[in-house]
C-alpha atoms as a PDB file:
ATOM      1  CA  UNK A   1       8.085  10.813   7.517  1.00  0.00           C
ATOM      2  CA  UNK A   2      10.427   8.400   5.788  1.00  0.00           C
ATOM      3  CA  UNK A   3      12.780   7.840   8.737  1.00  0.00           C
ATOM      4  CA  UNK A   4      11.139   4.539   9.716  1.00  0.00           C
ATOM      5  CA  UNK A   5      11.435   3.274   6.146  1.00  0.00           C
ATOM      6  CA  UNK A   6      15.110   4.274   6.000  1.00  0.00           C
ATOM      7  CA  UNK A   7      15.796   2.474   9.289  1.00  0.00           C
ATOM      8  CA  UNK A   8      14.021  -0.604   7.921  1.00  0.00           C
ATOM      9  CA  UNK A   9      16.079  -0.513   4.722  1.00  0.00           C
ATOM     10  CA  UNK A  10      19.310  -0.131   6.695  1.00  0.00           C
ATOM     11  CA  UNK A  11      18.395  -3.008   9.008  1.00  0.00           C
ATOM     12  CA  UNK A  12      18.054  -5.174   5.877  1.00  0.00           C
ATOM     13  CA  UNK A  13      21.446  -3.950   4.599  1.00  0.00           C
ATOM     14  CA  UNK A  14      20.172  -1.765   1.747  1.00  0.00           C
ATOM     15  CA  UNK A  15      22.145   1.330   0.794  1.00  0.00           C
ATOM     16  CA  UNK A  16      20.245   4.602   1.036  1.00  0.00           C
ATOM     17  CA  UNK A  17      20.809   6.072  -2.417  1.00  0.00           C
ATOM     18  CA  UNK A  18      19.485   9.378  -3.706  1.00  0.00           C
ATOM     19  CA  UNK A  19      17.076   7.452  -5.962  1.00  0.00           C
ATOM     20  CA  UNK A  20      15.737   5.276  -3.112  1.00  0.00           C
ATOM     21  CA  UNK A  21      15.243   8.343  -0.934  1.00  0.00           C
ATOM     22  CA  UNK A  22      13.336  10.065  -3.771  1.00  0.00           C
ATOM     23  CA  UNK A  23      11.199   6.959  -4.255  1.00  0.00           C
ATOM     24  CA  UNK A  24      10.414   6.827  -0.530  1.00  0.00           C
ATOM     25  CA  UNK A  25       9.560  10.518  -0.452  1.00  0.00           C
ATOM     26  CA  UNK A  26       7.157  10.095  -3.377  1.00  0.00           C
ATOM     27  CA  UNK A  27       5.531   6.961  -1.954  1.00  0.00           C
ATOM     28  CA  UNK A  28       5.107   8.548   1.472  1.00  0.00           C
ATOM     29  CA  UNK A  29       2.540  10.812  -0.151  1.00  0.00           C
ATOM     30  CA  UNK A  30       0.379   7.733  -0.738  1.00  0.00           C
ATOM     31  CA  UNK A  31      -0.238   6.590   2.805  1.00  0.00           C
ATOM     32  CA  UNK A  32      -4.028   6.820   2.468  1.00  0.00           C
ATOM     33  CA  UNK A  33      -4.499   5.533  -1.072  1.00  0.00           C
ATOM     34  CA  UNK A  34      -2.946   3.268  -3.685  1.00  0.00           C
ATOM     35  CA  UNK A  35      -0.986   4.547  -6.677  1.00  0.00           C
ATOM     36  CA  UNK A  36      -0.303   2.567  -9.850  1.00  0.00           C
ATOM     37  CA  UNK A  37       3.190   1.234 -10.455  1.00  0.00           C
ATOM     38  CA  UNK A  38       3.018   2.949 -13.850  1.00  0.00           C
ATOM     39  CA  UNK A  39       2.478   6.321 -12.150  1.00  0.00           C
ATOM     40  CA  UNK A  40       5.380   5.645  -9.752  1.00  0.00           C
ATOM     41  CA  UNK A  41       7.638   4.723 -12.670  1.00  0.00           C
ATOM     42  CA  UNK A  42       6.660   7.827 -14.657  1.00  0.00           C
ATOM     43  CA  UNK A  43       7.418  10.036 -11.646  1.00  0.00           C
ATOM     44  CA  UNK A  44      10.816   8.435 -11.081  1.00  0.00           C
ATOM     45  CA  UNK A  45      11.702   8.681 -14.790  1.00  0.00           C
ATOM     46  CA  UNK A  46      10.916  12.420 -14.652  1.00  0.00           C
ATOM     47  CA  UNK A  47      13.398  12.806 -11.794  1.00  0.00           C
ATOM     48  CA  UNK A  48      15.945  10.329 -13.181  1.00  0.00           C
ATOM     49  CA  UNK A  49      15.508   9.989 -16.984  1.00  0.00           C
ATOM     50  CA  UNK A  50      17.947   7.074 -17.181  1.00  0.00           C
ATOM     51  CA  UNK A  51      16.088   5.012 -14.579  1.00  0.00           C
ATOM     52  CA  UNK A  52      14.483   1.884 -16.022  1.00  0.00           C
ATOM     53  CA  UNK A  53      11.127   0.342 -15.243  1.00  0.00           C
ATOM     54  CA  UNK A  54      13.001  -2.731 -13.951  1.00  0.00           C
ATOM     55  CA  UNK A  55      14.923  -0.635 -11.413  1.00  0.00           C
ATOM     56  CA  UNK A  56      11.736   0.946 -10.076  1.00  0.00           C
ATOM     57  CA  UNK A  57       9.920  -2.392 -10.033  1.00  0.00           C
ATOM     58  CA  UNK A  58      12.815  -4.169  -8.262  1.00  0.00           C
ATOM     59  CA  UNK A  59      12.923  -1.480  -5.561  1.00  0.00           C
ATOM     60  CA  UNK A  60       9.143  -1.658  -5.106  1.00  0.00           C
ATOM     61  CA  UNK A  61       9.404  -5.445  -4.781  1.00  0.00           C
ATOM     62  CA  UNK A  62      12.140  -5.049  -2.149  1.00  0.00           C
ATOM     63  CA  UNK A  63      10.127  -2.377  -0.302  1.00  0.00           C
ATOM     64  CA  UNK A  64       7.110  -4.690  -0.281  1.00  0.00           C
ATOM     65  CA  UNK A  65       9.060  -7.685   1.025  1.00  0.00           C
ATOM     66  CA  UNK A  66      10.403  -5.752   4.023  1.00  0.00           C
ATOM     67  CA  UNK A  67       7.120  -3.969   4.782  1.00  0.00           C
ATOM     68  CA  UNK A  68       7.692  -0.414   3.569  1.00  0.00           C
ATOM     69  CA  UNK A  69       4.871  -0.542   1.055  1.00  0.00           C
ATOM     70  CA  UNK A  70       1.716  -2.563   0.603  1.00  0.00           C
ATOM     71  CA  UNK A  71       0.776  -3.944  -2.800  1.00  0.00           C
ATOM     72  CA  UNK A  72      -2.530  -4.700  -4.442  1.00  0.00           C
ATOM     73  CA  UNK A  73      -3.488  -6.126  -7.812  1.00  0.00           C
ATOM     74  CA  UNK A  74      -6.355  -4.474  -9.653  1.00  0.00           C
ATOM     75  CA  UNK A  75      -7.788  -5.305 -13.073  1.00  0.00           C
ATOM     76  CA  UNK A  76      -5.945  -2.233 -14.400  1.00  0.00           C
ATOM     77  CA  UNK A  77      -2.607  -3.443 -12.984  1.00  0.00           C
ATOM     78  CA  UNK A  78      -0.581  -3.508  -9.794  1.00  0.00           C
ATOM     79  CA  UNK A  79      -0.566  -0.614  -7.371  1.00  0.00           C
ATOM     80  CA  UNK A  80       1.187   0.254  -4.130  1.00  0.00           C
ATOM     81  CA  UNK A  81       0.772   2.439  -1.081  1.00  0.00           C
ATOM     82  CA  UNK A  82       3.144   3.518   1.636  1.00  0.00           C
ATOM     83  CA  UNK A  83       2.911   1.530   4.869  1.00  0.00           C
ATOM     84  CA  UNK A  84       0.287   3.141   7.062  1.00  0.00           C
ATOM     85  CA  UNK A  85       1.399   1.466  10.291  1.00  0.00           C
ATOM     86  CA  UNK A  86       5.051   0.459  10.715  1.00  0.00           C
ATOM     87  CA  UNK A  87       4.258  -0.654  14.268  1.00  0.00           C
ATOM     88  CA  UNK A  88       1.664  -3.167  13.033  1.00  0.00           C
ATOM     89  CA  UNK A  89       2.677  -4.631   9.673  1.00  0.00           C
ATOM     90  CA  UNK A  90      -0.185  -7.143   9.828  1.00  0.00           C
ATOM     91  CA  UNK A  91      -3.382  -5.188   9.354  1.00  0.00           C
ATOM     92  CA  UNK A  92      -6.287  -4.846   6.954  1.00  0.00           C
ATOM     93  CA  UNK A  93      -8.060  -2.040   5.124  1.00  0.00           C
ATOM     94  CA  UNK A  94     -11.333  -0.430   4.207  1.00  0.00           C
ATOM     95  CA  UNK A  95     -11.050   1.045   0.692  1.00  0.00           C
ATOM     96  CA  UNK A  96     -13.484   3.663  -0.587  1.00  0.00           C
ATOM     97  CA  UNK A  97     -14.690   2.678  -4.037  1.00  0.00           C
ATOM     98  CA  UNK A  98     -15.409   6.288  -4.990  1.00  0.00           C
ATOM     99  CA  UNK A  99     -12.298   8.251  -3.978  1.00  0.00           C
ATOM    100  CA  UNK A 100      -9.829   5.404  -3.261  1.00  0.00           C
ATOM    101  CA  UNK A 101      -9.110   6.534   0.305  1.00  0.00           C
ATOM    102  CA  UNK A 102      -7.712   3.731   2.467  1.00  0.00           C
ATOM    103  CA  UNK A 103      -8.444   3.351   6.167  1.00  0.00           C
ATOM    104  CA  UNK A 104      -6.763   0.835   8.454  1.00  0.00           C
ATOM    105  CA  UNK A 105      -8.959  -1.815  10.095  1.00  0.00           C
ATOM    106  CA  UNK A 106      -7.565  -2.926  13.447  1.00  0.00           C
ATOM    107  CA  UNK A 107      -9.294  -6.285  13.864  1.00  0.00           C
ATOM    108  CA  UNK A 108      -8.125  -9.379  12.003  1.00  0.00           C
ATOM    109  CA  UNK A 109     -11.022 -11.716  11.173  1.00  0.00           C
ATOM    110  CA  UNK A 110      -8.914 -14.811  10.498  1.00  0.00           C
ATOM    111  CA  UNK A 111      -9.758 -16.318  13.913  1.00  0.00           C
ATOM    112  CA  UNK A 112     -13.405 -16.542  12.816  1.00  0.00           C
ATOM    113  CA  UNK A 113     -12.427 -19.350  10.456  1.00  0.00           C
ATOM    114  CA  UNK A 114     -10.574 -21.577  12.959  1.00  0.00           C
ATOM    115  CA  UNK A 115     -13.486 -24.025  13.339  1.00  0.00           C
ATOM    116  CA  UNK A 116     -13.931 -24.325   9.581  1.00  0.00           C
ATOM    117  CA  UNK A 117     -10.239 -24.955   8.963  1.00  0.00           C
ATOM    118  CA  UNK A 118      -9.516 -27.663  11.535  1.00  0.00           C
ATOM    119  CA  UNK A 119      -6.266 -29.425  10.677  1.00  0.00           C
ATOM    120  CA  UNK A 120      -5.264 -26.820   8.095  1.00  0.00           C
ATOM    121  CA  UNK A 121      -2.082 -24.792   8.214  1.00  0.00           C
ATOM    122  CA  UNK A 122      -2.825 -21.207   7.252  1.00  0.00           C
ATOM    123  CA  UNK A 123       0.149 -19.603   5.501  1.00  0.00           C
ATOM    124  CA  UNK A 124      -1.338 -16.191   4.772  1.00  0.00           C
ATOM    125  CA  UNK A 125      -4.453 -14.183   4.087  1.00  0.00           C
ATOM    126  CA  UNK A 126      -5.698 -10.884   2.726  1.00  0.00           C
ATOM    127  CA  UNK A 127      -8.822  -9.160   3.987  1.00  0.00           C
ATOM    128  CA  UNK A 128     -10.219  -5.926   2.589  1.00  0.00           C
ATOM    129  CA  UNK A 129     -13.530  -4.157   3.004  1.00  0.00           C
ATOM    130  CA  UNK A 130     -14.972  -2.002   0.215  1.00  0.00           C
ATOM    131  CA  UNK A 131     -17.620   0.704   0.264  1.00  0.00           C
ATOM    132  CA  UNK A 132     -17.869   4.465   0.544  1.00  0.00           C
ATOM    133  CA  UNK A 133     -16.001   6.619   3.043  1.00  0.00           C
ATOM    134  CA  UNK A 134     -18.077   9.115   5.100  1.00  0.00           C
ATOM    135  CA  UNK A 135     -17.287  12.000   2.717  1.00  0.00           C
ATOM    136  CA  UNK A 136     -18.300  10.040  -0.402  1.00  0.00           C
ATOM    137  CA  UNK A 137     -21.403   8.698   1.363  1.00  0.00           C
ATOM    138  CA  UNK A 138     -22.421  12.274   2.156  1.00  0.00           C
ATOM    139  CA  UNK A 139     -21.702  13.442  -1.396  1.00  0.00           C
ATOM    140  CA  UNK A 140     -23.802  10.612  -2.808  1.00  0.00           C
ATOM    141  CA  UNK A 141     -26.614  11.387  -0.332  1.00  0.00           C
ATOM    142  CA  UNK A 142     -26.514  15.088  -1.265  1.00  0.00           C
ATOM    143  CA  UNK A 143     -26.589  14.194  -4.960  1.00  0.00           C
ATOM    144  CA  UNK A 144     -29.622  11.913  -4.597  1.00  0.00           C
ATOM    145  CA  UNK A 145     -31.444  14.552  -2.532  1.00  0.00           C
ATOM    146  CA  UNK A 146     -31.456  16.923  -5.515  1.00  0.00           C
END
C-alpha cells in the first residue's frame, strides 16, 4: 500500500527511515478522508516520543510537495490525506460534510472558465464539491422519516 509512496520518495532522493515508513503507514489509512495534522503528530509522538512537531510537519510538507499526500485548510486547522490516485496527481474531490468521506472526481472543470479568463495565465486551482455521501443521505432520509 505504501510502495508507490516509497518509490516516489526514493526518486526525489529521500532516505526511507523507520520514522518515515511509520508515517506513511499511518497516513495510508486516510485515503478516503482527511486527518488533522495534530492527530498525525500525536500518533507519531506515541510511536517516537522524542519526535518533534517540526519533524512531523516538515515531513508532511515534503510529502505534499512530491504528491504523496493532499492537504486542506479548515477553520479548525490544517489536515492531510493520503494520495488517492498516484497515477493522476491532478484530480478533485467530493467531500461528505457529515462523515468526512472523500471521493475522487475525475473531471476537471477549469476548462469551463477559458472564455472568462482570456489573456490570463492560470497557475493553479482547487476545486471541491461538498454534500452528503449516499450512506449519509440515506441516514438523514431515514431520520426524517421517523
